[in-house]
Amino acid sequence: MFRLHNRVNQSVAAEDSALGTGDVVGCDLEPVDHVEVHKIRGVDPDIAIAVVREHWRGAYVREGTGPNDWPTQFLVRNP
């Protein structure tokens, strides 16, 4: 499960080709949409992925990871 985070730099560069597709889930964890997910350049997709062309655009980090696990280009401000 990945989520947007307000401490993540949303202007990171993503690869052009998609890794695959993913579900966008609502509060009840039921799918509300499907999106293509992309690798972020220089970032392990186990840590973060990007959605680049859909309504859900942004950099998403794996739940359970924190700023100490994120690449330095992700950090945009202090807690």
C-alpha atoms as a PDB file:
ATOM      1  CA  MET A   1       0.000   0.000   0.000  1.00  0.00           C
ATOM      2  CA  PHE A   2       1.382   3.421  -1.000  1.00  0.00           C
ATOM      3  CA  ARG A   3       0.110   6.884  -0.137  1.00  0.00           C
ATOM      4  CA  LEU A   4       0.746  10.534  -0.891  1.00  0.00           C
ATOM      5  CA  HIS A   5       2.631  12.415   1.807  1.00  0.00           C
ATOM      6  CA  ASN A   6       2.904  16.178   2.299  1.00  0.00           C
ATOM      7  CA  ARG A   7       6.650  15.896   3.052  1.00  0.00           C
ATOM      8  CA  VAL A   8       7.410  14.263  -0.314  1.00  0.00           C
ATOM      9  CA  ASN A   9       8.700  16.360  -3.200  1.00  0.00           C
ATOM     10  CA  GLN A  10       5.958  15.872  -5.800  1.00  0.00           C
ATOM     11  CA  SER A  11       8.123  17.081  -8.703  1.00  0.00           C
ATOM     12  CA  VAL A  12      10.417  14.015  -8.784  1.00  0.00           C
ATOM     13  CA  ALA A  13      11.219  12.590 -12.234  1.00  0.00           C
ATOM     14  CA  ALA A  14       9.404   9.408 -13.220  1.00  0.00           C
ATOM     15  CA  GLU A  15      10.337   6.908 -15.923  1.00  0.00           C
ATOM     16  CA  ASP A  16       8.272   7.057 -19.120  1.00  0.00           C
ATOM     17  CA  SER A  17       7.234   3.410 -19.186  1.00  0.00           C
ATOM     18  CA  ALA A  18       4.833   2.087 -16.579  1.00  0.00           C
ATOM     19  CA  LEU A  19       5.749  -0.643 -14.084  1.00  0.00           C
ATOM     20  CA  GLY A  20       2.155  -1.828 -14.188  1.00  0.00           C
ATOM     21  CA  THR A  21      -1.204  -0.832 -12.801  1.00  0.00           C
ATOM     22  CA  GLY A  22      -2.452  -0.227  -9.294  1.00  0.00           C
ATOM     23  CA  ASP A  23      -5.729   0.361  -7.505  1.00  0.00           C
ATOM     24  CA  VAL A  24      -6.623   3.638  -5.858  1.00  0.00           C
ATOM     25  CA  VAL A  25      -8.565   2.705  -2.732  1.00  0.00           C
ATOM     26  CA  GLY A  26     -11.051   4.680  -0.691  1.00  0.00           C
ATOM     27  CA  CYS A  27     -11.368   4.922   3.069  1.00  0.00           C
ATOM     28  CA  ASP A  28     -13.032   1.507   3.175  1.00  0.00           C
ATOM     29  CA  LEU A  29     -10.036   0.033   1.243  1.00  0.00           C
ATOM     30  CA  GLU A  30     -12.261  -0.753  -1.762  1.00  0.00           C
ATOM     31  CA  PRO A  31     -10.901   0.219  -5.222  1.00  0.00           C
ATOM     32  CA  VAL A  32     -12.254   3.490  -6.591  1.00  0.00           C
ATOM     33  CA  ASP A  33      -9.977   3.770  -9.650  1.00  0.00           C
ATOM     34  CA  HIS A  34      -7.116   2.060 -11.506  1.00  0.00           C
ATOM     35  CA  VAL A  35      -3.896   3.846 -12.513  1.00  0.00           C
ATOM     36  CA  GLU A  36      -0.586   3.174 -14.224  1.00  0.00           C
ATOM     37  CA  VAL A  37       2.320   3.346 -11.774  1.00  0.00           C
ATOM     38  CA  HIS A  38       5.829   4.399 -12.756  1.00  0.00           C
ATOM     39  CA  LYS A  39       9.303   4.020 -11.325  1.00  0.00           C
ATOM     40  CA  ILE A  40      10.819   7.234  -9.981  1.00  0.00           C
ATOM     41  CA  ARG A  41      14.327   7.757 -11.353  1.00  0.00           C
ATOM     42  CA  GLY A  42      16.919   6.667  -8.829  1.00  0.00           C
ATOM     43  CA  VAL A  43      14.360   5.332  -6.327  1.00  0.00           C
ATOM     44  CA  ASP A  44      13.636   1.704  -5.467  1.00  0.00           C
ATOM     45  CA  PRO A  45       9.962   1.035  -6.334  1.00  0.00           C
ATOM     46  CA  ASP A  46       9.690  -0.860  -3.038  1.00  0.00           C
ATOM     47  CA  ILE A  47      10.006   2.581  -1.369  1.00  0.00           C
ATOM     48  CA  ALA A  48       8.093   4.864  -3.746  1.00  0.00           C
ATOM     49  CA  ILE A  49       6.237   5.001  -7.065  1.00  0.00           C
ATOM     50  CA  ALA A  50       4.701   7.744  -9.180  1.00  0.00           C
ATOM     51  CA  VAL A  51       1.390   8.248 -10.918  1.00  0.00           C
ATOM     52  CA  VAL A  52       2.014  10.664 -13.792  1.00  0.00           C
ATOM     53  CA  ARG A  53      -0.951  10.963 -16.117  1.00  0.00           C
ATOM     54  CA  GLU A  54      -4.121  10.376 -14.182  1.00  0.00           C
ATOM     55  CA  HIS A  55      -6.239  12.388 -11.791  1.00  0.00           C
ATOM     56  CA  TRP A  56      -4.195  10.848  -8.930  1.00  0.00           C
ATOM     57  CA  ARG A  57      -0.854  12.383 -10.058  1.00  0.00           C
ATOM     58  CA  GLY A  58       1.927  12.372  -7.476  1.00  0.00           C
ATOM     59  CA  ALA A  59       4.737  10.536  -5.720  1.00  0.00           C
ATOM     60  CA  TYR A  60       3.510   7.814  -3.367  1.00  0.00           C
ATOM     61  CA  VAL A  61       5.565   6.263  -0.573  1.00  0.00           C
ATOM     62  CA  ARG A  62       5.071   2.809   0.909  1.00  0.00           C
ATOM     63  CA  GLU A  63       3.053   2.913   4.107  1.00  0.00           C
ATOM     64  CA  GLY A  64       5.197   2.141   7.128  1.00  0.00           C
ATOM     65  CA  THR A  65       8.249   3.946   5.751  1.00  0.00           C
ATOM     66  CA  GLY A  66       9.328   7.285   7.086  1.00  0.00           C
ATOM     67  CA  PRO A  67      11.629  10.105   6.029  1.00  0.00           C
ATOM     68  CA  ASN A  68      14.693   8.167   7.215  1.00  0.00           C
ATOM     69  CA  ASP A  69      13.866   5.535   4.562  1.00  0.00           C
ATOM     70  CA  TRP A  70      13.202   8.012   1.727  1.00  0.00           C
ATOM     71  CA  PRO A  71      15.761   9.232  -0.824  1.00  0.00           C
ATOM     72  CA  THR A  72      17.016  12.748  -0.044  1.00  0.00           C
ATOM     73  CA  GLN A  73      15.368  14.232  -3.148  1.00  0.00           C
ATOM     74  CA  PHE A  74      11.980  13.428  -1.556  1.00  0.00           C
ATOM     75  CA  LEU A  75      12.356  15.643   1.502  1.00  0.00           C
ATOM     76  CA  VAL A  76      10.891  19.117   1.096  1.00  0.00           C
ATOM     77  CA  ARG A  77      10.526  20.391   4.667  1.00  0.00           C
ATOM     78  CA  ASN A  78      11.114  19.548   8.299  1.00  0.00           C
ATOM     79  CA  PRO A  79       8.390  17.880  10.398  1.00  0.00           C
END
